[in-house]
Amino acid sequence: MASIRTHPTVFSDNDLKAQTPVAPSYFDDNVHAVDQEVRFPTRWSKIRHHIREPFAEFLGTLILILFGTGVNAQATLSGSTAVSAAPQGSSLSGAFGWAVGIALGAWVSGGISGGHINPAVTITMATFRGFPWKKVPIYILAQIVGAVCGAGIVYANYHTAIDLYEGGRGIRTVPGTAALFGTYASPYMTNVSCFFEEFMVTAILLITIFAVTDKRNGPPPNGLIPLVLFITLLGISAAFGMQTSFALNPARDFGPRLLTYMVGYGREVWNYRRQYWIWTPVLATTSGALFGAFIYDVMLYTGTDSIINKPRGGASSHSDQDRVSDAV
């Protein structure tokens, strides 16, 4: 008998039971051909079984960036009379756009990959919730590629409007319209202030994620954790969106920033404020996520899957987070 155990996720047991594949993780070549056809009707279904988790992270992150940078583009570009007769967005629409993006991205990917769609979340889950470290690199790669593709779709859609906004075909400025895609700080913000804000808001995000996935706290009804993420990001955007554009997610900044470099914004996207992109959208968000998880586990969490509560001697026990095992 073989078992399949899912990793820490933003979805509940009932959601995951419906999603747990019936085939073993590594297919036995000695299984009869008829049994192979039952388990994997086509060759592609067999391949997909092994890569659907990174595919889910790719698609979920793409959706997040598609809505987020899309609302950035519409709200900003429509503010120019060369593009639109009247503005078609505001800071409130920006908050809703990003909130919708994270909710839909989590709904699309959550039952398959856990719905991380954020390298900081993946690293934190590996550190505090037993997510396999061997999966971390492929998850992060899928998230970054998804972010690049999401930003690329938005850039292709608004390419002409960007030309009009910038004042000529092919003119690209940093921050300028580069800020539609990557995160750039307000001019008055020091690098220390930027780091602090991103550290703080990402810690808030992870405390919320850990709270709603803790069965001994107050988990929402089945399948509604993405709605909690919607509310959380809406609040963060409304309260802290002005100064650093609330990256919260290394892939959310790095992927679109890479896209702007690829389409002609130049090396300034990397050199801006002495490699701001490393210190704030990457390091501040990742360290903030780890700190938020640490605070939650020290103060509230009782599950022994956390490194904070792990029994002496390294004894293992079942997680209080969502884990499912099915006999095959």
Protein backbone atom coordinates (compact mmCIF):
# COMPACT_ATOMS: atom_id res chain seq x y z
CA MET A 1 0.00 0.00 0.00
CA ALA A 2 1.34 3.41 -0.95
CA SER A 3 0.14 6.71 0.40
CA ILE A 4 0.05 10.20 -0.97
CA ARG A 5 0.47 13.02 1.52
CA THR A 6 -0.14 16.56 0.48
CA HIS A 7 2.01 19.41 1.71
CA PRO A 8 0.89 22.42 3.74
CA THR A 9 -1.80 24.24 1.85
CA VAL A 10 -4.35 27.02 2.06
CA PHE A 11 -7.20 24.55 1.51
CA SER A 12 -9.03 22.24 3.89
CA ASP A 13 -9.19 18.45 4.16
CA ASN A 14 -12.43 18.13 2.19
CA ASP A 15 -11.09 20.31 -0.61
CA LEU A 16 -7.91 18.29 -0.84
CA LYS A 17 -9.60 14.89 -0.72
CA ALA A 18 -11.38 15.78 -3.93
CA GLN A 19 -8.08 16.83 -5.50
CA THR A 20 -5.78 14.04 -4.29
CA PRO A 21 -4.67 12.00 -7.33
CA VAL A 22 -5.40 8.29 -7.40
CA ALA A 23 -2.07 7.39 -8.98
CA PRO A 24 1.10 6.87 -6.94
CA SER A 25 3.79 9.53 -7.07
CA TYR A 26 6.17 7.19 -8.87
CA PHE A 27 4.49 4.76 -11.22
CA ASP A 28 5.52 1.13 -11.04
CA ASP A 29 6.55 -0.01 -14.50
CA ASN A 30 5.52 -3.57 -13.66
CA VAL A 31 1.88 -2.60 -13.26
CA HIS A 32 -0.26 -4.25 -15.90
CA ALA A 33 -0.93 -2.16 -19.01
CA VAL A 34 -4.68 -2.21 -18.36
CA ASP A 35 -4.08 -0.77 -14.90
CA GLN A 36 -1.88 1.93 -16.46
CA GLU A 37 -4.74 2.92 -18.73
CA VAL A 38 -7.06 3.21 -15.75
CA ARG A 39 -4.64 5.31 -13.75
CA PHE A 40 -3.28 7.34 -16.65
CA PRO A 41 -5.63 7.29 -19.67
CA THR A 42 -3.07 9.10 -21.85
CA ARG A 43 0.66 9.65 -21.88
CA TRP A 44 0.12 13.35 -21.20
CA SER A 45 -1.97 12.58 -18.11
CA LYS A 46 0.95 10.58 -16.72
CA ILE A 47 3.39 13.43 -17.42
CA ARG A 48 0.99 16.00 -16.05
CA HIS A 49 0.62 14.06 -12.80
CA HIS A 50 4.28 14.73 -12.01
CA ILE A 51 4.32 18.41 -12.98
CA ARG A 52 0.85 19.68 -12.13
CA GLU A 53 2.03 21.30 -8.88
CA PRO A 54 4.50 23.68 -10.56
CA PHE A 55 1.95 24.18 -13.34
CA ALA A 56 -0.57 25.24 -10.70
CA GLU A 57 1.93 27.68 -9.16
CA PHE A 58 2.71 29.05 -12.62
CA LEU A 59 -0.94 29.60 -13.48
CA GLY A 60 -1.89 30.98 -10.08
CA THR A 61 0.96 33.50 -10.11
CA LEU A 62 0.19 34.46 -13.70
CA ILE A 63 -3.39 35.28 -12.69
CA LEU A 64 -2.19 37.31 -9.69
CA ILE A 65 0.12 39.43 -11.86
CA LEU A 66 -2.37 39.66 -14.72
CA PHE A 67 -4.98 41.34 -12.55
CA GLY A 68 -2.53 43.32 -10.43
CA THR A 69 -0.38 44.89 -13.13
CA GLY A 70 -3.45 45.14 -15.35
CA VAL A 71 -5.22 47.40 -12.88
CA ASN A 72 -1.99 49.38 -12.40
CA ALA A 73 -1.82 49.97 -16.14
CA GLN A 74 -5.46 50.95 -16.55
CA ALA A 75 -5.52 53.32 -13.58
CA THR A 76 -2.25 55.05 -14.48
CA LEU A 77 -2.39 55.19 -18.27
CA SER A 78 -5.98 56.43 -18.35
CA GLY A 79 -4.84 59.43 -16.34
CA SER A 80 -3.21 60.84 -19.48
CA THR A 81 -5.47 62.73 -21.89
CA ALA A 82 -3.44 61.22 -24.70
CA VAL A 83 -4.81 57.84 -23.69
CA SER A 84 -8.27 58.47 -22.24
CA ALA A 85 -10.71 61.34 -21.98
CA ALA A 86 -11.25 60.54 -18.31
CA PRO A 87 -9.39 58.48 -15.68
CA GLN A 88 -10.50 54.86 -15.51
CA GLY A 89 -9.17 53.92 -12.11
CA SER A 90 -8.05 54.98 -8.65
CA SER A 91 -6.11 53.72 -5.67
CA LEU A 92 -9.27 51.88 -4.60
CA SER A 93 -9.58 50.08 -7.92
CA GLY A 94 -5.90 49.18 -7.59
CA ALA A 95 -6.54 47.64 -4.20
CA PHE A 96 -9.46 45.62 -5.56
CA GLY A 97 -7.51 44.51 -8.63
CA TRP A 98 -4.66 43.04 -6.60
CA ALA A 99 -7.09 41.51 -4.10
CA VAL A 100 -9.03 39.81 -6.90
CA GLY A 101 -5.74 38.59 -8.37
CA ILE A 102 -4.57 36.89 -5.18
CA ALA A 103 -7.98 35.32 -4.54
CA LEU A 104 -8.38 33.91 -8.05
CA GLY A 105 -4.75 32.80 -8.16
CA ALA A 106 -5.18 30.93 -4.88
CA TRP A 107 -8.48 29.36 -5.99
CA VAL A 108 -6.95 28.13 -9.24
CA SER A 109 -3.86 26.62 -7.64
CA GLY A 110 -4.77 25.92 -4.02
CA GLY A 111 -6.21 22.42 -4.30
CA ILE A 112 -3.27 21.20 -6.37
CA SER A 113 -0.10 22.92 -5.19
CA GLY A 114 -1.19 24.57 -1.96
CA GLY A 115 -1.70 27.97 -3.57
CA HIS A 116 1.57 29.54 -2.45
CA ILE A 117 2.00 31.77 -5.56
CA ASN A 118 4.74 33.56 -3.62
CA PRO A 119 8.36 32.47 -2.98
CA ALA A 120 8.26 33.99 0.50
CA VAL A 121 5.28 31.78 1.36
CA THR A 122 6.98 28.70 -0.10
CA ILE A 123 10.17 29.29 1.90
CA THR A 124 8.17 29.96 5.05
CA MET A 125 6.07 26.81 4.60
CA ALA A 126 9.27 24.79 4.18
CA THR A 127 10.76 26.33 7.32
CA PHE A 128 7.73 26.14 9.63
CA ARG A 129 5.27 23.62 8.17
CA GLY A 130 7.28 20.77 6.73
CA PHE A 131 6.88 21.62 3.06
CA PRO A 132 9.58 19.58 1.25
CA TRP A 133 12.69 21.66 0.62
CA LYS A 134 13.36 19.68 -2.55
CA LYS A 135 10.22 21.24 -4.05
CA VAL A 136 11.15 24.81 -3.16
CA PRO A 137 13.34 25.57 -6.23
CA ILE A 138 10.80 24.33 -8.80
CA TYR A 139 7.97 26.16 -7.02
CA ILE A 140 9.91 29.43 -7.02
CA LEU A 141 10.90 28.98 -10.67
CA ALA A 142 7.27 28.35 -11.62
CA GLN A 143 6.16 31.42 -9.69
CA ILE A 144 8.73 33.67 -11.37
CA VAL A 145 7.94 32.37 -14.86
CA GLY A 146 4.24 32.85 -14.18
CA ALA A 147 4.89 36.42 -13.06
CA VAL A 148 6.92 37.16 -16.20
CA CYS A 149 4.18 35.76 -18.41
CA GLY A 150 1.41 37.61 -16.58
CA ALA A 151 3.28 40.90 -16.91
CA GLY A 152 4.04 40.11 -20.55
CA ILE A 153 0.36 39.69 -21.35
CA VAL A 154 -0.45 43.03 -19.71
CA TYR A 155 2.42 44.76 -21.53
CA ALA A 156 1.25 43.40 -24.88
CA ASN A 157 -2.29 44.54 -24.14
CA TYR A 158 -1.31 48.09 -23.12
CA HIS A 159 1.70 48.54 -25.43
CA THR A 160 0.11 51.28 -27.53
CA ALA A 161 -1.26 53.10 -24.48
CA ILE A 162 2.23 53.07 -22.96
CA ASP A 163 3.61 54.65 -26.14
CA LEU A 164 1.00 57.41 -25.92
CA TYR A 165 1.56 57.95 -22.21
CA GLU A 166 5.35 58.16 -22.61
CA GLY A 167 5.05 60.58 -25.53
CA GLY A 168 6.37 58.47 -28.37
CA ARG A 169 6.79 55.00 -29.75
CA GLY A 170 9.41 52.97 -27.92
CA ILE A 171 10.06 55.57 -25.20
CA ARG A 172 10.38 53.82 -21.87
CA THR A 173 11.24 55.47 -18.56
CA VAL A 174 12.21 54.26 -15.10
CA PRO A 175 10.37 54.46 -12.82
CA GLY A 176 7.81 56.02 -15.24
CA THR A 177 5.80 53.25 -16.82
CA ALA A 178 8.20 50.65 -15.43
CA ALA A 179 6.31 51.21 -12.17
CA LEU A 180 3.22 49.70 -13.79
CA PHE A 181 5.00 46.37 -13.49
CA GLY A 182 7.71 46.41 -10.82
CA THR A 183 7.57 48.13 -7.44
CA TYR A 184 9.29 51.50 -7.01
CA ALA A 185 9.37 53.51 -3.80
CA SER A 186 8.10 57.04 -3.29
CA PRO A 187 11.00 59.54 -3.65
CA TYR A 188 10.88 60.62 -0.01
CA MET A 189 11.24 57.07 1.32
CA THR A 190 14.65 55.96 2.56
CA ASN A 191 15.79 52.43 1.82
CA VAL A 192 15.49 51.60 5.52
CA SER A 193 11.91 52.85 5.57
CA CYS A 194 11.10 50.81 2.48
CA PHE A 195 12.58 47.69 4.03
CA PHE A 196 10.60 48.22 7.23
CA GLU A 197 7.28 48.68 5.45
CA GLU A 198 7.65 45.60 3.24
CA PHE A 199 8.89 43.56 6.20
CA MET A 200 5.87 44.63 8.25
CA VAL A 201 3.13 44.05 5.68
CA THR A 202 4.51 40.67 4.61
CA ALA A 203 4.62 39.60 8.24
CA ILE A 204 0.95 40.57 8.52
CA LEU A 205 0.14 38.51 5.43
CA LEU A 206 1.87 35.40 6.80
CA ILE A 207 0.31 35.75 10.25
CA THR A 208 -3.07 35.80 8.52
CA ILE A 209 -2.25 32.78 6.35
CA PHE A 210 -1.03 30.77 9.33
CA ALA A 211 -4.08 31.77 11.39
CA VAL A 212 -6.65 30.68 8.82
CA THR A 213 -4.86 27.39 8.14
CA ASP A 214 -4.62 26.56 11.84
CA LYS A 215 -7.41 24.11 12.71
CA ARG A 216 -7.22 25.07 16.38
CA ASN A 217 -7.76 28.74 15.65
CA GLY A 218 -10.53 29.96 13.36
CA PRO A 219 -10.35 28.39 9.90
CA PRO A 220 -12.97 29.62 7.43
CA PRO A 221 -15.43 27.24 5.71
CA ASN A 222 -14.09 24.89 3.08
CA GLY A 223 -12.60 26.60 0.05
CA LEU A 224 -12.97 30.14 1.39
CA ILE A 225 -9.39 30.87 2.40
CA PRO A 226 -8.86 32.75 -0.90
CA LEU A 227 -11.65 35.07 0.22
CA VAL A 228 -9.67 35.76 3.39
CA LEU A 229 -6.63 36.52 1.23
CA PHE A 230 -8.80 38.90 -0.79
CA ILE A 231 -9.78 40.80 2.35
CA THR A 232 -6.21 40.79 3.67
CA LEU A 233 -4.65 42.16 0.50
CA LEU A 234 -7.45 44.68 0.10
CA GLY A 235 -6.69 45.99 3.58
CA ILE A 236 -2.92 46.03 3.09
CA SER A 237 -3.28 47.86 -0.21
CA ALA A 238 -5.68 50.42 1.21
CA ALA A 239 -3.53 51.10 4.28
CA PHE A 240 0.04 50.64 3.02
CA GLY A 241 -0.06 50.78 -0.77
CA MET A 242 1.27 54.28 -1.36
CA GLN A 243 4.93 54.21 -0.34
CA THR A 244 6.39 50.97 -1.71
CA SER A 245 3.54 49.55 -3.83
CA PHE A 246 3.31 46.60 -1.39
CA ALA A 247 5.40 43.94 -3.13
CA LEU A 248 4.70 41.27 -0.44
CA ASN A 249 6.06 38.72 -2.88
CA PRO A 250 9.52 38.41 -4.49
CA ALA A 251 8.05 36.94 -7.69
CA ARG A 252 5.49 39.74 -7.93
CA ASP A 253 8.37 42.24 -8.32
CA PHE A 254 11.16 40.21 -9.91
CA GLY A 255 9.06 38.67 -12.69
CA PRO A 256 7.53 41.93 -13.97
CA ARG A 257 10.87 43.74 -13.47
CA LEU A 258 12.57 41.12 -15.63
CA LEU A 259 9.85 41.61 -18.23
CA THR A 260 10.50 45.37 -18.35
CA TYR A 261 14.20 44.71 -18.86
CA MET A 262 13.41 42.31 -21.69
CA VAL A 263 11.14 44.77 -23.53
CA GLY A 264 13.56 47.69 -23.49
CA TYR A 265 13.46 49.60 -20.22
CA GLY A 266 17.19 49.08 -19.81
CA ARG A 267 19.50 48.24 -16.93
CA GLU A 268 18.10 51.03 -14.80
CA VAL A 269 15.34 48.65 -13.68
CA TRP A 270 18.09 46.75 -11.82
CA ASN A 271 20.25 49.72 -10.79
CA TYR A 272 17.40 51.86 -9.43
CA ARG A 273 18.35 53.13 -5.95
CA ARG A 274 21.36 50.84 -5.66
CA GLN A 275 19.61 47.56 -6.38
CA TYR A 276 16.47 48.42 -4.47
CA TRP A 277 14.82 45.32 -5.96
CA ILE A 278 17.08 43.03 -3.90
CA TRP A 279 16.79 44.74 -0.53
CA THR A 280 13.09 45.48 -0.45
CA PRO A 281 10.94 43.28 -2.74
CA VAL A 282 13.13 40.19 -2.19
CA LEU A 283 14.90 40.30 1.17
CA ALA A 284 12.40 42.40 3.13
CA THR A 285 9.42 40.32 2.03
CA THR A 286 11.12 36.97 2.66
CA SER A 287 12.45 37.95 6.08
CA GLY A 288 9.10 39.53 6.96
CA ALA A 289 7.29 36.32 6.03
CA LEU A 290 9.61 34.25 8.22
CA PHE A 291 9.22 36.71 11.09
CA GLY A 292 5.43 36.69 10.83
CA ALA A 293 5.40 32.90 10.91
CA PHE A 294 7.76 32.89 13.88
CA ILE A 295 5.56 35.31 15.81
CA TYR A 296 2.42 33.27 15.12
CA ASP A 297 4.00 29.98 16.11
CA VAL A 298 5.60 31.36 19.28
CA MET A 299 2.43 33.07 20.47
CA LEU A 300 -0.46 30.96 19.19
CA TYR A 301 0.34 27.77 17.30
CA THR A 302 0.36 24.41 19.13
CA GLY A 303 0.98 21.98 16.26
CA THR A 304 4.17 19.94 16.56
CA ASP A 305 4.95 20.24 12.86
CA SER A 306 6.37 23.70 13.61
CA ILE A 307 10.06 23.95 14.46
CA ILE A 308 9.00 26.02 17.47
CA ASN A 309 6.97 23.16 18.98
CA LYS A 310 8.85 20.13 17.70
CA PRO A 311 9.36 17.59 20.50
CA ARG A 312 12.85 17.07 21.83
CA GLY A 313 14.69 14.28 20.10
CA GLY A 314 13.07 15.09 16.76
CA ALA A 315 10.05 12.83 17.27
CA SER A 316 7.65 13.25 14.42
CA SER A 317 3.91 13.68 14.71
CA HIS A 318 1.00 14.54 12.52
CA SER A 319 0.54 18.18 11.62
CA ASP A 320 -2.41 20.20 12.80
CA GLN A 321 -2.32 21.76 9.35
CA ASP A 322 -4.05 20.23 6.34
CA ARG A 323 -2.53 16.83 5.55
CA VAL A 324 -4.27 14.06 3.67
CA SER A 325 -3.18 10.48 3.02
CA ASP A 326 -5.01 8.09 0.71
CA ALA A 327 -4.30 4.38 0.25
CA VAL A 328 -3.56 3.44 -3.33
